[in-house]
Amino acid sequence: MRFPDLEALSAIGFDAASYGHLSYLERKREYPRSQEIAEACAFLGADGLWVPSARDPASNNLIVFCEQETRIAKDIVRGHGVVDFD
């Protein structure tokens, strides 16, 4: 799932006002909502997240969910045999 900017994260309840400004000791003010967003995206089947970097506004972070199944499940509902498109 891609969140190209802080506005996209704010739209789903992330407090962007302190994003990138908190020290490691204050991380508990920011991390819980980040974790909830990541958990929801993983539950929905996303392979990962693309989010803005807190350290560098010109960069992004890619978070990969390694546990996700990446093969596309498909069912053949009805076989039509060979199709001649000519």
C-alpha atoms as a PDB file:
ATOM      1  CA  MET A   1       0.000   0.000   0.000  1.00  0.00           C
ATOM      2  CA  ARG A   2       1.284   3.407  -0.892  1.00  0.00           C
ATOM      3  CA  PHE A   3       0.978   6.532   1.230  1.00  0.00           C
ATOM      4  CA  PRO A   4       2.775   9.147  -0.884  1.00  0.00           C
ATOM      5  CA  ASP A   5       2.677  11.952   1.672  1.00  0.00           C
ATOM      6  CA  LEU A   6       1.718  12.882   5.229  1.00  0.00           C
ATOM      7  CA  GLU A   7      -1.725  14.023   4.087  1.00  0.00           C
ATOM      8  CA  ALA A   8      -2.510  10.462   3.005  1.00  0.00           C
ATOM      9  CA  LEU A   9      -1.460   9.158   6.425  1.00  0.00           C
ATOM     10  CA  SER A  10      -3.391  11.908   8.192  1.00  0.00           C
ATOM     11  CA  ALA A  11      -6.522  10.893   6.298  1.00  0.00           C
ATOM     12  CA  ILE A  12      -6.470   7.560   8.141  1.00  0.00           C
ATOM     13  CA  GLY A  13      -5.868   9.024  11.584  1.00  0.00           C
ATOM     14  CA  PHE A  14      -2.095   9.440  11.788  1.00  0.00           C
ATOM     15  CA  ASP A  15      -0.993  12.556  13.719  1.00  0.00           C
ATOM     16  CA  ALA A  16       1.452  14.163  11.295  1.00  0.00           C
ATOM     17  CA  ALA A  17       2.100  17.214  13.490  1.00  0.00           C
ATOM     18  CA  SER A  18       4.912  15.509  15.414  1.00  0.00           C
ATOM     19  CA  TYR A  19       6.089  13.220  12.603  1.00  0.00           C
ATOM     20  CA  GLY A  20       9.876  13.215  12.541  1.00  0.00           C
ATOM     21  CA  HIS A  21      10.157  15.545  15.528  1.00  0.00           C
ATOM     22  CA  LEU A  22       9.920  13.097  18.421  1.00  0.00           C
ATOM     23  CA  SER A  23      12.969  11.618  20.079  1.00  0.00           C
ATOM     24  CA  TYR A  24      13.357   7.887  20.494  1.00  0.00           C
ATOM     25  CA  LEU A  25      12.291   8.235  24.126  1.00  0.00           C
ATOM     26  CA  GLU A  26       8.986   9.791  22.980  1.00  0.00           C
ATOM     27  CA  ARG A  27       8.326   7.113  20.341  1.00  0.00           C
ATOM     28  CA  LYS A  28       5.322   5.730  22.197  1.00  0.00           C
ATOM     29  CA  ARG A  29       3.375   8.845  21.200  1.00  0.00           C
ATOM     30  CA  GLU A  30       3.811   8.012  17.503  1.00  0.00           C
ATOM     31  CA  TYR A  31       4.455   4.279  17.162  1.00  0.00           C
ATOM     32  CA  PRO A  32       1.090   2.810  18.252  1.00  0.00           C
ATOM     33  CA  ARG A  33      -0.860   4.374  15.362  1.00  0.00           C
ATOM     34  CA  SER A  34       1.912   3.446  12.913  1.00  0.00           C
ATOM     35  CA  GLN A  35       1.713  -0.153  14.107  1.00  0.00           C
ATOM     36  CA  GLU A  36      -2.088  -0.172  13.782  1.00  0.00           C
ATOM     37  CA  ILE A  37      -1.844   1.069  10.196  1.00  0.00           C
ATOM     38  CA  ALA A  38       0.768  -1.568   9.345  1.00  0.00           C
ATOM     39  CA  GLU A  39      -1.305  -4.321  10.973  1.00  0.00           C
ATOM     40  CA  ALA A  40      -4.405  -3.283   9.049  1.00  0.00           C
ATOM     41  CA  CYS A  41      -2.499  -3.213   5.747  1.00  0.00           C
ATOM     42  CA  ALA A  42      -1.020  -6.665   6.437  1.00  0.00           C
ATOM     43  CA  PHE A  43      -4.476  -7.992   7.325  1.00  0.00           C
ATOM     44  CA  LEU A  44      -5.818  -6.657   4.032  1.00  0.00           C
ATOM     45  CA  GLY A  45      -3.137  -8.628   2.184  1.00  0.00           C
ATOM     46  CA  ALA A  46      -0.655  -5.898   1.283  1.00  0.00           C
ATOM     47  CA  ASP A  47       2.914  -7.015   0.555  1.00  0.00           C
ATOM     48  CA  GLY A  48       4.240  -3.899   2.264  1.00  0.00           C
ATOM     49  CA  LEU A  49       3.989  -0.152   2.798  1.00  0.00           C
ATOM     50  CA  TRP A  50       5.486   2.823   0.985  1.00  0.00           C
ATOM     51  CA  VAL A  51       5.507   5.784   3.388  1.00  0.00           C
ATOM     52  CA  PRO A  52       7.236   9.162   3.683  1.00  0.00           C
ATOM     53  CA  SER A  53      10.473   9.225   5.662  1.00  0.00           C
ATOM     54  CA  ALA A  54      10.417  11.042   9.001  1.00  0.00           C
ATOM     55  CA  ARG A  55      14.094  11.964   8.647  1.00  0.00           C
ATOM     56  CA  ASP A  56      14.211  13.175   5.062  1.00  0.00           C
ATOM     57  CA  PRO A  57      11.155  14.805   3.457  1.00  0.00           C
ATOM     58  CA  ALA A  58      12.547  14.014  -0.002  1.00  0.00           C
ATOM     59  CA  SER A  59      12.734  10.270   0.717  1.00  0.00           C
ATOM     60  CA  ASN A  60      10.368   7.402   1.345  1.00  0.00           C
ATOM     61  CA  ASN A  61      10.556   4.168   3.308  1.00  0.00           C
ATOM     62  CA  LEU A  62       9.579   0.751   2.026  1.00  0.00           C
ATOM     63  CA  ILE A  63       8.377  -1.701   4.655  1.00  0.00           C
ATOM     64  CA  VAL A  64       8.094  -5.280   3.372  1.00  0.00           C
ATOM     65  CA  PHE A  65       5.784  -7.821   4.990  1.00  0.00           C
ATOM     66  CA  CYS A  66       7.804 -11.003   4.533  1.00  0.00           C
ATOM     67  CA  GLU A  67       5.089 -13.267   5.941  1.00  0.00           C
ATOM     68  CA  GLN A  68       2.557 -12.478   3.205  1.00  0.00           C
ATOM     69  CA  GLU A  69       1.685 -14.976   0.502  1.00  0.00           C
ATOM     70  CA  THR A  70       2.710 -13.356  -2.782  1.00  0.00           C
ATOM     71  CA  ARG A  71       1.247 -15.879  -5.209  1.00  0.00           C
ATOM     72  CA  ILE A  72      -2.029 -14.783  -6.717  1.00  0.00           C
ATOM     73  CA  ALA A  73      -4.792 -17.241  -5.974  1.00  0.00           C
ATOM     74  CA  LYS A  74      -6.982 -17.957  -8.958  1.00  0.00           C
ATOM     75  CA  ASP A  75      -9.846 -20.274  -9.599  1.00  0.00           C
ATOM     76  CA  ILE A  76     -10.967 -21.505 -12.988  1.00  0.00           C
ATOM     77  CA  VAL A  77     -14.718 -21.038 -12.920  1.00  0.00           C
ATOM     78  CA  ARG A  78     -15.405 -22.149 -16.470  1.00  0.00           C
ATOM     79  CA  GLY A  79     -13.017 -23.356 -19.144  1.00  0.00           C
ATOM     80  CA  HIS A  80     -13.716 -22.084 -22.687  1.00  0.00           C
ATOM     81  CA  GLY A  81     -11.062 -24.161 -24.405  1.00  0.00           C
ATOM     82  CA  VAL A  82      -8.764 -22.657 -27.012  1.00  0.00           C
ATOM     83  CA  VAL A  83      -9.881 -19.206 -28.174  1.00  0.00           C
ATOM     84  CA  ASP A  84      -9.068 -18.070 -31.707  1.00  0.00           C
ATOM     85  CA  PHE A  85      -8.854 -14.255 -31.675  1.00  0.00           C
ATOM     86  CA  ASP A  86      -8.461 -14.017 -35.449  1.00  0.00           C
END
